[in-house]
Amino acid sequence: MKTGWIITGGRIDQAFAGAFFQRQGSCADCIVSVDKGLEVTKALGLVPDAVVGDFDSVNGELLKEYRKNPAIVWDVHKPEKDETDTELAIHTAVKLGCKRLFILGATGGRLDHELSNIHLLKLCLDCKTEAFLCDPWNKVYLLEKGKVFRRGETYGDYVSFIPLTEEVRGITLRGFKYPLTGKDIRVGVEAGLCVSNEVAEAEASIRFDSGILICVESRD
């Protein structure tokens, strides 16, 4: 499975990004840099396979440097456009054959961008591409089917499930600190019921009958 990294122009903790790449970098088959994210890419000593954006906020000299590399794919857009740079980067990564994406810089800044990026995970789902938004505290992704979590292997101590679709039906949690059996949750109604759960046994699992959940593995 081809794995891609998207380094966005959003807020990125460089120390975290460096450590994350050391842990996950061996599985990175493709790197897509987004606008100002090109500066983080440079600081990490990486060469992108593709660069996307309107480049209204990136250092001009850095652009010239990377422009000299004929192997880099450039996807240049005007600032006035319908899509966000991150959405365009996802399309580019999918075109390059990525079936798994780790997206850095998509959270922790402007709330409108963060909410938009969470919803862009549905775009990835529709493209049959696994996608994860990662920052120092959170790993965010979507579930449309059940999943098993192993104690000590989650991103942090907490696992939360939040409805993306209007309703998620028949949620059953086993092996968690707070179990559930066949519970329906809807947006705005008991949407906080599955927040801040913890893996209590060697393995914990979730299954549900219909809908899509936002899963957040997090730490304080």
Protein backbone atom coordinates (compact mmCIF):
# COMPACT_ATOMS: atom_id res chain seq x y z
CA MET A 1 0.00 0.00 0.00
CA LYS A 2 1.50 3.34 -1.08
CA THR A 3 1.74 5.73 1.86
CA GLY A 4 1.89 9.50 1.49
CA TRP A 5 2.67 12.40 3.75
CA ILE A 6 0.94 15.73 3.32
CA ILE A 7 2.80 18.58 5.05
CA THR A 8 0.35 21.46 5.03
CA GLY A 9 0.90 25.17 5.44
CA GLY A 10 -0.86 25.14 8.82
CA ARG A 11 0.62 25.20 12.29
CA ILE A 12 3.21 22.42 12.68
CA ASP A 13 5.36 21.68 15.72
CA GLN A 14 8.67 21.04 13.96
CA ALA A 15 10.10 18.92 16.78
CA PHE A 16 7.00 16.73 16.67
CA ALA A 17 7.15 16.51 12.87
CA GLY A 18 10.78 15.43 13.01
CA ALA A 19 10.13 12.77 15.64
CA PHE A 20 7.02 11.60 13.81
CA PHE A 21 8.95 11.22 10.60
CA GLN A 22 11.68 9.24 12.38
CA ARG A 23 8.99 6.83 13.59
CA GLN A 24 6.93 6.69 10.41
CA GLY A 25 9.30 7.93 7.71
CA SER A 26 10.36 4.53 6.49
CA CYS A 27 6.82 3.99 5.24
CA ALA A 28 6.63 7.32 3.37
CA ASP A 29 6.49 6.54 -0.35
CA CYS A 30 5.36 10.03 -1.34
CA ILE A 31 5.62 13.51 0.21
CA VAL A 32 3.28 16.33 -0.79
CA SER A 33 4.16 19.79 0.52
CA VAL A 34 1.49 22.47 0.72
CA ASP A 35 2.42 26.13 0.34
CA LYS A 36 4.25 27.23 3.53
CA GLY A 37 4.60 23.58 4.46
CA LEU A 38 7.47 23.59 1.99
CA GLU A 39 9.54 25.41 4.65
CA VAL A 40 8.88 22.62 7.17
CA THR A 41 9.73 20.06 4.50
CA LYS A 42 13.06 21.81 3.96
CA ALA A 43 13.78 22.01 7.69
CA LEU A 44 13.19 18.26 7.99
CA GLY A 45 15.68 17.63 5.21
CA LEU A 46 13.04 16.13 2.91
CA VAL A 47 12.50 16.50 -0.81
CA PRO A 48 8.83 16.55 -1.82
CA ASP A 49 7.44 14.50 -4.67
CA ALA A 50 4.80 17.15 -5.27
CA VAL A 51 4.20 20.75 -4.21
CA VAL A 52 0.69 22.23 -4.10
CA GLY A 53 -0.72 25.68 -3.41
CA ASP A 54 -0.99 29.31 -4.38
CA PHE A 55 2.37 30.09 -2.70
CA ASP A 56 1.19 33.38 -1.24
CA SER A 57 3.00 32.72 2.05
CA VAL A 58 6.13 30.75 1.21
CA ASN A 59 9.69 32.08 0.94
CA GLY A 60 10.45 33.02 -2.68
CA GLU A 61 14.06 31.86 -2.57
CA LEU A 62 12.97 28.47 -1.30
CA LEU A 63 10.53 28.19 -4.19
CA LYS A 64 13.36 28.92 -6.64
CA GLU A 65 15.51 26.24 -5.03
CA TYR A 66 12.89 23.54 -5.36
CA ARG A 67 11.91 24.69 -8.84
CA LYS A 68 15.34 23.52 -10.01
CA ASN A 69 14.42 19.91 -9.21
CA PRO A 70 12.79 18.42 -12.34
CA ALA A 71 11.46 15.41 -10.43
CA ILE A 72 9.00 17.48 -8.37
CA VAL A 73 5.40 17.70 -9.59
CA TRP A 74 3.99 21.25 -9.26
CA ASP A 75 0.28 21.97 -8.84
CA VAL A 76 -0.01 25.77 -8.81
CA HIS A 77 -3.28 27.61 -8.17
CA LYS A 78 -4.51 31.18 -7.83
CA PRO A 79 -5.33 32.37 -4.28
CA GLU A 80 -8.97 32.84 -5.34
CA LYS A 81 -10.21 29.26 -5.65
CA ASP A 82 -13.01 27.03 -4.42
CA GLU A 83 -10.82 24.35 -2.82
CA THR A 84 -8.49 24.70 0.15
CA ASP A 85 -4.83 23.90 -0.40
CA THR A 86 -5.19 20.79 1.75
CA GLU A 87 -8.06 19.52 -0.39
CA LEU A 88 -5.96 20.04 -3.51
CA ALA A 89 -3.07 18.20 -1.87
CA ILE A 90 -5.30 15.22 -1.11
CA HIS A 91 -6.35 15.07 -4.76
CA THR A 92 -2.68 15.22 -5.80
CA ALA A 93 -1.68 12.45 -3.39
CA VAL A 94 -4.52 10.23 -4.60
CA LYS A 95 -3.51 10.84 -8.23
CA LEU A 96 0.01 9.75 -7.27
CA GLY A 97 -1.43 6.45 -6.07
CA CYS A 98 -1.46 6.93 -2.29
CA LYS A 99 -3.84 4.67 -0.40
CA ARG A 100 -2.79 5.83 3.08
CA LEU A 101 -2.15 9.45 4.09
CA PHE A 102 -0.67 11.08 7.18
CA ILE A 103 -1.55 14.78 7.20
CA LEU A 104 0.44 17.19 9.39
CA GLY A 105 -0.49 20.81 10.11
CA ALA A 106 -4.22 20.25 9.62
CA THR A 107 -5.16 20.95 13.26
CA GLY A 108 -4.34 23.38 16.04
CA GLY A 109 -4.67 26.64 14.11
CA ARG A 110 -7.76 28.31 12.70
CA LEU A 111 -10.90 26.45 13.71
CA ASP A 112 -12.54 26.87 10.30
CA HIS A 113 -9.60 25.16 8.62
CA GLU A 114 -9.52 22.43 11.25
CA LEU A 115 -13.21 21.61 10.85
CA SER A 116 -12.84 21.65 7.08
CA ASN A 117 -9.86 19.29 7.30
CA ILE A 118 -11.80 16.84 9.46
CA HIS A 119 -14.56 16.82 6.85
CA LEU A 120 -11.94 16.29 4.13
CA LEU A 121 -11.36 12.88 5.71
CA LYS A 122 -14.69 11.93 4.09
CA LEU A 123 -13.17 12.82 0.71
CA CYS A 124 -10.37 10.37 1.47
CA LEU A 125 -12.89 7.74 2.53
CA ASP A 126 -14.76 8.18 -0.76
CA CYS A 127 -11.44 7.73 -2.60
CA LYS A 128 -10.84 4.50 -0.64
CA THR A 129 -7.79 6.07 0.98
CA GLU A 130 -6.99 5.80 4.69
CA ALA A 131 -6.20 9.23 6.11
CA PHE A 132 -5.01 10.45 9.50
CA LEU A 133 -4.69 14.02 10.82
CA CYS A 134 -1.80 13.98 13.28
CA ASP A 135 -0.46 16.52 15.78
CA PRO A 136 1.38 16.19 19.11
CA TRP A 137 -1.85 15.38 20.97
CA ASN A 138 -4.24 13.81 18.48
CA LYS A 139 -4.64 11.27 15.71
CA VAL A 140 -7.95 11.81 13.92
CA TYR A 141 -9.53 9.52 11.34
CA LEU A 142 -12.89 8.13 10.23
CA LEU A 143 -14.49 4.76 10.86
CA GLU A 144 -17.20 3.24 8.71
CA LYS A 145 -16.75 -0.23 10.16
CA GLY A 146 -15.54 -1.85 13.36
CA LYS A 147 -12.01 -1.69 14.72
CA VAL A 148 -9.86 -3.39 17.37
CA PHE A 149 -7.63 -1.31 19.67
CA ARG A 150 -4.73 -2.85 21.58
CA ARG A 151 -3.67 -1.42 24.92
CA GLY A 152 -0.38 0.44 24.65
CA GLU A 153 -0.68 0.82 20.86
CA THR A 154 -3.09 3.76 20.71
CA TYR A 155 -1.83 7.31 20.12
CA GLY A 156 -2.60 8.24 23.72
CA ASP A 157 -4.67 7.14 26.69
CA TYR A 158 -8.01 8.32 25.31
CA VAL A 159 -10.17 7.13 22.44
CA SER A 160 -13.25 9.12 21.42
CA PHE A 161 -15.98 8.41 18.89
CA ILE A 162 -18.01 11.32 17.52
CA PRO A 163 -20.72 11.04 14.85
CA LEU A 164 -19.87 12.50 11.45
CA THR A 165 -23.12 11.41 9.84
CA GLU A 166 -26.41 12.58 11.33
CA GLU A 167 -26.84 9.24 13.09
CA VAL A 168 -24.65 6.27 13.93
CA ARG A 169 -26.64 3.19 14.88
CA GLY A 170 -25.93 0.18 17.04
CA ILE A 171 -22.62 1.14 18.64
CA THR A 172 -21.18 -1.65 20.78
CA LEU A 173 -17.99 -1.13 22.78
CA ARG A 174 -16.17 -4.03 24.40
CA GLY A 175 -12.93 -3.95 26.42
CA PHE A 176 -13.25 -0.21 27.07
CA LYS A 177 -13.54 1.46 30.47
CA TYR A 178 -17.05 2.55 29.49
CA PRO A 179 -18.77 -0.24 27.50
CA LEU A 180 -21.87 0.13 25.36
CA THR A 181 -24.30 -2.26 23.74
CA GLY A 182 -26.29 -1.39 20.62
CA LYS A 183 -26.43 2.36 21.31
CA ASP A 184 -27.57 4.89 18.70
CA ILE A 185 -26.06 8.38 18.80
CA ARG A 186 -26.96 11.41 16.72
CA VAL A 187 -25.34 14.75 16.01
CA GLY A 188 -26.34 17.10 18.83
CA VAL A 189 -27.96 14.32 20.86
CA GLU A 190 -25.70 12.31 23.18
CA ALA A 191 -22.83 13.15 20.83
CA GLY A 192 -20.53 13.36 23.86
CA LEU A 193 -21.43 9.89 25.12
CA CYS A 194 -18.40 8.25 23.49
CA VAL A 195 -15.82 10.93 24.30
CA SER A 196 -12.70 10.20 26.43
CA ASN A 197 -13.03 6.45 26.69
CA GLU A 198 -10.04 4.27 27.56
CA VAL A 199 -8.82 0.83 26.55
CA ALA A 200 -9.27 -1.21 29.75
CA GLU A 201 -8.33 -4.70 28.57
CA ALA A 202 -5.59 -6.13 26.40
CA GLU A 203 -7.88 -5.51 23.42
CA ALA A 204 -10.92 -3.31 23.01
CA SER A 205 -13.28 -3.18 20.07
CA ILE A 206 -16.00 -1.10 18.50
CA ARG A 207 -18.62 -2.26 16.05
CA PHE A 208 -21.69 -0.47 14.74
CA ASP A 209 -24.46 -1.07 12.24
CA SER A 210 -24.47 2.10 10.14
CA GLY A 211 -23.09 5.61 9.85
CA ILE A 212 -19.61 7.14 10.01
CA LEU A 213 -17.68 8.02 13.16
CA ILE A 214 -14.85 10.45 13.77
CA CYS A 215 -12.30 8.59 15.87
CA VAL A 216 -9.84 10.61 17.95
CA GLU A 217 -6.96 8.88 19.71
CA SER A 218 -5.56 11.54 22.04
CA ARG A 219 -3.33 12.38 24.96
CA ASP A 220 -3.13 15.34 27.36
